[in-house]
Amino acid sequence: MSTRLLLAMFTLTGSLLMMTGTVRAEQNTALYLAADDSALENTERNVRDRDNANLTPEDQLESEGDIAITATIRQAIIRDESLSLNAQNAKIITRHGVVTLRGLVESEAERLALRQIVTQTPGVVQLDNQLEIKAP
């Protein structure tokens, strides 16, 4: 009796799922919210991440040395309370001792402060400073 009951419940559940289908979001809604001439459109800022020319955090190597360098730099940046939230959230990518910094900072002083933190970190071979100063 219990086998029949389980089989009936399984069949009913499957039928219910097939009848209701999946829920889908409206695909054209985003086009109305962010037209090409909209002031809210900011996808151009992210275009540089779409090619293979620029490193992203996913390019971070898994070697212990590179991970240790990245962690040391991140800890030093977080400890510096004079840095803005933007500067503290800068992307840090380390590959074979070469550190790439990317993101926005509030001023040239913050850009130089991050540069100094990286150059004083043991194990860093070279710095590729791609930080950008936030537009006023």
N, C-alpha and C. Protein backbone atom coordinates (compact mmCIF):
# COMPACT_ATOMS: atom_id res chain seq x y z
N MET A 1 0.82 -1.20 0.00
CA MET A 1 0.00 0.00 0.00
C MET A 1 0.86 1.26 0.00
N SER A 2 1.93 1.27 0.80
CA SER A 2 2.76 2.47 0.87
C SER A 2 3.51 2.71 -0.43
N THR A 3 3.84 1.67 -1.18
CA THR A 3 4.52 1.84 -2.46
C THR A 3 3.60 2.53 -3.45
N ARG A 4 2.33 2.13 -3.46
CA ARG A 4 1.35 2.76 -4.35
C ARG A 4 1.16 4.23 -3.98
N LEU A 5 1.11 4.51 -2.70
CA LEU A 5 0.94 5.89 -2.22
C LEU A 5 2.13 6.76 -2.65
N LEU A 6 3.34 6.25 -2.49
CA LEU A 6 4.53 7.00 -2.89
C LEU A 6 4.55 7.22 -4.40
N LEU A 7 4.17 6.19 -5.16
CA LEU A 7 4.14 6.31 -6.60
C LEU A 7 3.11 7.35 -7.05
N ALA A 8 1.94 7.36 -6.39
CA ALA A 8 0.90 8.33 -6.71
C ALA A 8 1.37 9.75 -6.37
N MET A 9 2.03 9.93 -5.22
CA MET A 9 2.53 11.25 -4.82
C MET A 9 3.60 11.74 -5.80
N PHE A 10 4.48 10.84 -6.20
CA PHE A 10 5.53 11.18 -7.14
C PHE A 10 4.93 11.62 -8.48
N THR A 11 3.93 10.87 -8.96
CA THR A 11 3.28 11.18 -10.22
C THR A 11 2.56 12.52 -10.16
N LEU A 12 1.83 12.77 -9.06
CA LEU A 12 1.12 14.03 -8.91
C LEU A 12 2.09 15.22 -8.82
N THR A 13 3.16 15.04 -8.08
CA THR A 13 4.15 16.12 -7.94
C THR A 13 4.78 16.43 -9.30
N GLY A 14 5.15 15.39 -10.03
CA GLY A 14 5.73 15.60 -11.36
C GLY A 14 4.77 16.28 -12.31
N SER A 15 3.51 15.87 -12.26
CA SER A 15 2.50 16.48 -13.12
C SER A 15 2.30 17.95 -12.77
N LEU A 16 2.27 18.24 -11.48
CA LEU A 16 2.10 19.62 -11.03
C LEU A 16 3.26 20.50 -11.50
N LEU A 17 4.47 19.99 -11.40
CA LEU A 17 5.63 20.74 -11.86
C LEU A 17 5.59 20.97 -13.36
N MET A 18 5.18 19.98 -14.09
CA MET A 18 5.12 20.12 -15.55
C MET A 18 4.03 21.11 -15.97
N MET A 19 2.93 21.15 -15.23
CA MET A 19 1.84 22.06 -15.59
C MET A 19 2.18 23.51 -15.25
N THR A 20 2.82 23.73 -14.12
CA THR A 20 3.12 25.10 -13.71
C THR A 20 4.29 25.68 -14.49
N GLY A 21 5.24 24.86 -14.89
CA GLY A 21 6.38 25.33 -15.66
C GLY A 21 7.32 26.17 -14.80
N THR A 22 8.28 26.78 -15.45
CA THR A 22 9.23 27.62 -14.73
C THR A 22 8.82 29.08 -14.85
N VAL A 23 9.24 29.86 -13.90
CA VAL A 23 8.94 31.29 -13.89
C VAL A 23 10.06 32.00 -14.63
N ARG A 24 9.70 32.88 -15.55
CA ARG A 24 10.70 33.64 -16.31
C ARG A 24 10.47 35.13 -16.13
N ALA A 25 11.57 35.86 -16.08
CA ALA A 25 11.47 37.32 -16.00
C ALA A 25 11.22 37.86 -17.40
N GLU A 26 10.61 39.00 -17.45
CA GLU A 26 10.38 39.65 -18.73
C GLU A 26 11.73 40.03 -19.33
N GLN A 27 11.99 39.62 -20.53
CA GLN A 27 13.29 39.86 -21.14
C GLN A 27 13.45 41.28 -21.64
N ASN A 28 12.41 41.95 -22.03
CA ASN A 28 12.52 43.28 -22.60
C ASN A 28 12.41 44.39 -21.56
N THR A 29 12.18 44.06 -20.31
CA THR A 29 12.00 45.07 -19.27
C THR A 29 13.25 45.93 -19.11
N ALA A 30 14.42 45.31 -19.12
CA ALA A 30 15.66 46.06 -18.93
C ALA A 30 15.88 47.08 -20.03
N LEU A 31 15.42 46.79 -21.22
CA LEU A 31 15.60 47.74 -22.32
C LEU A 31 14.83 49.03 -22.08
N TYR A 32 13.68 48.93 -21.46
CA TYR A 32 12.90 50.13 -21.18
C TYR A 32 13.49 50.92 -20.03
N LEU A 33 14.12 50.22 -19.08
CA LEU A 33 14.68 50.91 -17.92
C LEU A 33 16.01 51.59 -18.23
N ALA A 34 16.78 51.01 -19.13
CA ALA A 34 18.10 51.56 -19.43
C ALA A 34 18.25 51.74 -20.93
N ALA A 35 17.66 52.77 -21.45
CA ALA A 35 17.78 53.07 -22.88
C ALA A 35 19.20 53.52 -23.17
N ASP A 36 19.57 53.55 -24.45
CA ASP A 36 20.94 53.89 -24.83
C ASP A 36 21.35 55.28 -24.38
N ASP A 37 20.44 56.22 -24.33
CA ASP A 37 20.79 57.59 -23.96
C ASP A 37 20.54 57.88 -22.49
N SER A 38 20.28 56.87 -21.70
CA SER A 38 19.97 57.04 -20.29
C SER A 38 21.21 57.45 -19.50
N ALA A 39 21.04 58.35 -18.55
CA ALA A 39 22.14 58.76 -17.68
C ALA A 39 22.54 57.64 -16.73
N LEU A 40 21.65 56.67 -16.53
CA LEU A 40 21.95 55.56 -15.64
C LEU A 40 22.79 54.49 -16.31
N GLU A 41 22.91 54.53 -17.59
CA GLU A 41 23.66 53.50 -18.33
C GLU A 41 25.14 53.66 -18.03
N ASN A 42 25.77 52.63 -17.46
CA ASN A 42 27.18 52.73 -17.12
C ASN A 42 27.96 51.50 -17.58
N THR A 43 27.45 50.80 -18.55
CA THR A 43 28.13 49.57 -18.98
C THR A 43 29.48 49.83 -19.62
N GLU A 44 29.72 51.05 -20.11
CA GLU A 44 31.02 51.33 -20.72
C GLU A 44 32.15 51.16 -19.72
N ARG A 45 31.90 51.42 -18.45
CA ARG A 45 32.94 51.28 -17.43
C ARG A 45 33.43 49.85 -17.35
N ASN A 46 32.58 48.88 -17.65
CA ASN A 46 32.94 47.48 -17.51
C ASN A 46 33.41 46.85 -18.82
N VAL A 47 33.41 47.60 -19.88
CA VAL A 47 33.81 47.06 -21.17
C VAL A 47 35.24 46.57 -21.12
N ARG A 48 36.11 47.23 -20.39
CA ARG A 48 37.52 46.86 -20.36
C ARG A 48 37.75 45.48 -19.74
N ASP A 49 36.78 44.97 -18.98
CA ASP A 49 36.93 43.65 -18.38
C ASP A 49 36.53 42.54 -19.33
N ARG A 50 35.99 42.88 -20.48
CA ARG A 50 35.44 41.86 -21.37
C ARG A 50 36.48 41.27 -22.31
N ASP A 51 37.65 41.88 -22.42
CA ASP A 51 38.66 41.29 -23.27
C ASP A 51 39.71 40.61 -22.40
N ASN A 52 40.65 39.97 -23.01
CA ASN A 52 41.67 39.25 -22.26
C ASN A 52 42.89 40.10 -21.98
N ALA A 53 42.86 41.38 -22.35
CA ALA A 53 44.02 42.25 -22.16
C ALA A 53 44.20 42.66 -20.71
N ASN A 54 43.11 42.79 -19.96
CA ASN A 54 43.19 43.24 -18.57
C ASN A 54 42.93 42.08 -17.63
N LEU A 55 43.73 42.03 -16.57
CA LEU A 55 43.56 40.99 -15.56
C LEU A 55 42.36 41.30 -14.69
N THR A 56 41.69 40.25 -14.25
CA THR A 56 40.60 40.36 -13.29
C THR A 56 40.96 39.47 -12.10
N PRO A 57 40.26 39.60 -10.97
CA PRO A 57 40.57 38.74 -9.82
C PRO A 57 40.53 37.25 -10.14
N GLU A 58 39.81 36.85 -11.17
CA GLU A 58 39.78 35.44 -11.55
C GLU A 58 41.12 34.97 -12.11
N ASP A 59 41.98 35.93 -12.50
CA ASP A 59 43.29 35.58 -13.04
C ASP A 59 44.34 35.37 -11.95
N GLN A 60 43.96 35.55 -10.70
CA GLN A 60 44.87 35.33 -9.57
C GLN A 60 45.35 33.89 -9.59
N LEU A 61 46.65 33.70 -9.51
CA LEU A 61 47.19 32.34 -9.48
C LEU A 61 46.97 31.72 -8.11
N GLU A 62 46.96 30.41 -8.08
CA GLU A 62 46.69 29.68 -6.84
C GLU A 62 47.96 29.29 -6.10
N SER A 63 49.11 29.83 -6.50
CA SER A 63 50.34 29.48 -5.80
C SER A 63 50.34 30.12 -4.42
N GLU A 64 50.97 29.43 -3.48
CA GLU A 64 50.99 29.94 -2.10
C GLU A 64 51.64 31.31 -2.01
N GLY A 65 52.71 31.53 -2.77
CA GLY A 65 53.41 32.81 -2.74
C GLY A 65 52.54 33.96 -3.22
N ASP A 66 51.83 33.76 -4.34
CA ASP A 66 50.97 34.81 -4.87
C ASP A 66 49.79 35.07 -3.95
N ILE A 67 49.23 34.04 -3.38
CA ILE A 67 48.11 34.23 -2.44
C ILE A 67 48.59 34.98 -1.20
N ALA A 68 49.78 34.64 -0.71
CA ALA A 68 50.32 35.32 0.48
C ALA A 68 50.58 36.80 0.19
N ILE A 69 51.11 37.11 -0.99
CA ILE A 69 51.35 38.51 -1.35
C ILE A 69 50.04 39.27 -1.40
N THR A 70 49.04 38.71 -2.06
CA THR A 70 47.74 39.38 -2.17
C THR A 70 47.13 39.59 -0.79
N ALA A 71 47.19 38.58 0.06
CA ALA A 71 46.62 38.69 1.41
C ALA A 71 47.34 39.75 2.23
N THR A 72 48.67 39.81 2.14
CA THR A 72 49.45 40.80 2.88
C THR A 72 49.09 42.21 2.43
N ILE A 73 48.97 42.40 1.13
CA ILE A 73 48.61 43.73 0.60
C ILE A 73 47.20 44.11 1.05
N ARG A 74 46.25 43.18 0.94
CA ARG A 74 44.86 43.47 1.34
C ARG A 74 44.80 43.84 2.81
N GLN A 75 45.50 43.12 3.67
CA GLN A 75 45.50 43.42 5.11
C GLN A 75 46.08 44.80 5.38
N ALA A 76 47.15 45.16 4.69
CA ALA A 76 47.77 46.48 4.89
C ALA A 76 46.82 47.58 4.43
N ILE A 77 46.12 47.36 3.34
CA ILE A 77 45.19 48.37 2.84
C ILE A 77 44.03 48.54 3.81
N ILE A 78 43.50 47.46 4.32
CA ILE A 78 42.37 47.53 5.26
C ILE A 78 42.78 48.20 6.57
N ARG A 79 44.02 47.95 7.01
CA ARG A 79 44.50 48.57 8.26
C ARG A 79 44.64 50.08 8.14
N ASP A 80 44.86 50.59 6.94
CA ASP A 80 45.05 52.03 6.73
C ASP A 80 43.68 52.71 6.70
N GLU A 81 43.28 53.27 7.82
CA GLU A 81 41.96 53.88 7.96
C GLU A 81 41.83 55.20 7.21
N SER A 82 42.94 55.74 6.72
CA SER A 82 42.87 56.99 5.97
C SER A 82 42.37 56.77 4.54
N LEU A 83 42.38 55.52 4.08
CA LEU A 83 41.95 55.23 2.71
C LEU A 83 40.43 55.16 2.61
N SER A 84 39.92 55.59 1.49
CA SER A 84 38.48 55.56 1.25
C SER A 84 38.02 54.12 1.02
N LEU A 85 36.72 53.94 1.04
CA LEU A 85 36.14 52.62 0.79
C LEU A 85 36.49 52.15 -0.63
N ASN A 86 36.50 53.07 -1.59
CA ASN A 86 36.89 52.71 -2.95
C ASN A 86 38.31 52.16 -2.98
N ALA A 87 39.22 52.83 -2.31
CA ALA A 87 40.62 52.39 -2.29
C ALA A 87 40.75 51.04 -1.59
N GLN A 88 40.01 50.85 -0.51
CA GLN A 88 40.08 49.58 0.21
C GLN A 88 39.50 48.43 -0.59
N ASN A 89 38.66 48.73 -1.58
CA ASN A 89 38.06 47.70 -2.41
C ASN A 89 38.77 47.53 -3.75
N ALA A 90 39.94 48.09 -3.89
CA ALA A 90 40.70 47.95 -5.15
C ALA A 90 40.97 46.48 -5.42
N LYS A 91 40.97 46.12 -6.68
CA LYS A 91 41.27 44.74 -7.08
C LYS A 91 42.78 44.54 -6.99
N ILE A 92 43.17 43.42 -6.41
CA ILE A 92 44.58 43.06 -6.29
C ILE A 92 44.76 41.70 -6.96
N ILE A 93 45.54 41.65 -8.01
CA ILE A 93 45.78 40.40 -8.73
C ILE A 93 47.28 40.17 -8.74
N THR A 94 47.72 39.01 -8.27
CA THR A 94 49.14 38.69 -8.22
C THR A 94 49.41 37.45 -9.07
N ARG A 95 50.35 37.59 -9.98
CA ARG A 95 50.77 36.47 -10.85
C ARG A 95 52.29 36.47 -10.90
N HIS A 96 52.90 35.43 -10.34
CA HIS A 96 54.36 35.28 -10.33
C HIS A 96 55.04 36.49 -9.71
N GLY A 97 54.47 37.06 -8.66
CA GLY A 97 55.05 38.20 -7.97
C GLY A 97 54.75 39.55 -8.59
N VAL A 98 54.09 39.56 -9.74
CA VAL A 98 53.70 40.81 -10.39
C VAL A 98 52.30 41.17 -9.92
N VAL A 99 52.17 42.31 -9.25
CA VAL A 99 50.90 42.73 -8.67
C VAL A 99 50.24 43.75 -9.59
N THR A 100 48.97 43.50 -9.90
CA THR A 100 48.17 44.45 -10.67
C THR A 100 47.11 45.03 -9.75
N LEU A 101 47.06 46.35 -9.68
CA LEU A 101 46.02 47.06 -8.91
C LEU A 101 45.04 47.67 -9.89
N ARG A 102 43.75 47.45 -9.66
CA ARG A 102 42.71 48.01 -10.53
C ARG A 102 41.58 48.53 -9.67
N GLY A 103 40.90 49.54 -10.17
CA GLY A 103 39.74 50.08 -9.48
C GLY A 103 39.82 51.59 -9.39
N LEU A 104 38.89 52.13 -8.60
CA LEU A 104 38.81 53.58 -8.42
C LEU A 104 39.37 53.98 -7.07
N VAL A 105 40.03 55.12 -7.04
CA VAL A 105 40.47 55.75 -5.79
C VAL A 105 39.99 57.19 -5.81
N GLU A 106 39.96 57.80 -4.66
CA GLU A 106 39.43 59.17 -4.54
C GLU A 106 40.41 60.24 -5.00
N SER A 107 41.72 59.97 -4.90
CA SER A 107 42.70 61.01 -5.21
C SER A 107 44.03 60.40 -5.63
N GLU A 108 44.91 61.25 -6.12
CA GLU A 108 46.26 60.81 -6.47
C GLU A 108 47.01 60.36 -5.21
N ALA A 109 46.72 60.99 -4.08
CA ALA A 109 47.37 60.60 -2.81
C ALA A 109 47.02 59.16 -2.45
N GLU A 110 45.77 58.76 -2.65
CA GLU A 110 45.40 57.37 -2.38
C GLU A 110 46.09 56.42 -3.36
N ARG A 111 46.18 56.85 -4.60
CA ARG A 111 46.85 56.03 -5.61
C ARG A 111 48.30 55.79 -5.21
N LEU A 112 48.97 56.84 -4.74
CA LEU A 112 50.36 56.72 -4.30
C LEU A 112 50.48 55.90 -3.02
N ALA A 113 49.50 56.03 -2.12
CA ALA A 113 49.52 55.25 -0.87
C ALA A 113 49.41 53.76 -1.17
N LEU A 114 48.53 53.39 -2.08
CA LEU A 114 48.41 51.97 -2.46
C LEU A 114 49.69 51.49 -3.14
N ARG A 115 50.26 52.34 -3.95
CA ARG A 115 51.52 51.99 -4.62
C ARG A 115 52.62 51.72 -3.59
N GLN A 116 52.68 52.56 -2.58
CA GLN A 116 53.70 52.40 -1.55
C GLN A 116 53.49 51.10 -0.76
N ILE A 117 52.24 50.78 -0.45
CA ILE A 117 51.94 49.53 0.28
C ILE A 117 52.43 48.34 -0.54
N VAL A 118 52.15 48.35 -1.83
CA VAL A 118 52.54 47.22 -2.68
C VAL A 118 54.06 47.12 -2.78
N THR A 119 54.74 48.23 -3.02
CA THR A 119 56.19 48.17 -3.21
C THR A 119 56.93 47.77 -1.94
N GLN A 120 56.32 47.99 -0.76
CA GLN A 120 56.94 47.61 0.50
C GLN A 120 56.62 46.17 0.92
N THR A 121 55.79 45.49 0.14
CA THR A 121 55.39 44.13 0.47
C THR A 121 56.45 43.15 -0.01
N PRO A 122 56.94 42.28 0.88
CA PRO A 122 57.95 41.30 0.48
C PRO A 122 57.41 40.35 -0.59
N GLY A 123 58.26 40.04 -1.57
CA GLY A 123 57.88 39.10 -2.62
C GLY A 123 57.37 39.76 -3.89
N VAL A 124 57.06 41.06 -3.82
CA VAL A 124 56.56 41.75 -5.01
C VAL A 124 57.72 42.03 -5.96
N VAL A 125 57.59 41.57 -7.19
CA VAL A 125 58.62 41.75 -8.21
C VAL A 125 58.38 43.03 -8.99
N GLN A 126 57.10 43.30 -9.30
CA GLN A 126 56.76 44.44 -10.14
C GLN A 126 55.33 44.86 -9.82
N LEU A 127 54.99 46.12 -10.10
CA LEU A 127 53.65 46.65 -9.89
C LEU A 127 53.11 47.18 -11.20
N ASP A 128 51.90 46.75 -11.54
CA ASP A 128 51.15 47.31 -12.68
C ASP A 128 50.00 48.10 -12.06
N ASN A 129 50.18 49.40 -11.94
CA ASN A 129 49.20 50.25 -11.25
C ASN A 129 48.18 50.78 -12.26
N GLN A 130 47.01 50.16 -12.31
CA GLN A 130 45.95 50.57 -13.21
C GLN A 130 44.83 51.29 -12.46
N LEU A 131 45.13 51.80 -11.26
CA LEU A 131 44.11 52.52 -10.48
C LEU A 131 43.70 53.80 -11.20
N GLU A 132 42.45 54.13 -11.10
CA GLU A 132 41.93 55.33 -11.73
C GLU A 132 41.38 56.26 -10.64
N ILE A 133 41.57 57.54 -10.84
CA ILE A 133 41.06 58.52 -9.89
C ILE A 133 39.60 58.79 -10.22
N LYS A 134 38.76 58.71 -9.22
CA LYS A 134 37.31 58.90 -9.40
C LYS A 134 37.03 60.31 -9.90
N ALA A 135 36.21 60.40 -10.91
CA ALA A 135 35.84 61.70 -11.46
C ALA A 135 34.97 62.45 -10.46
N PRO A 136 35.18 63.76 -10.33
CA PRO A 136 34.38 64.54 -9.38
C PRO A 136 32.93 64.64 -9.76
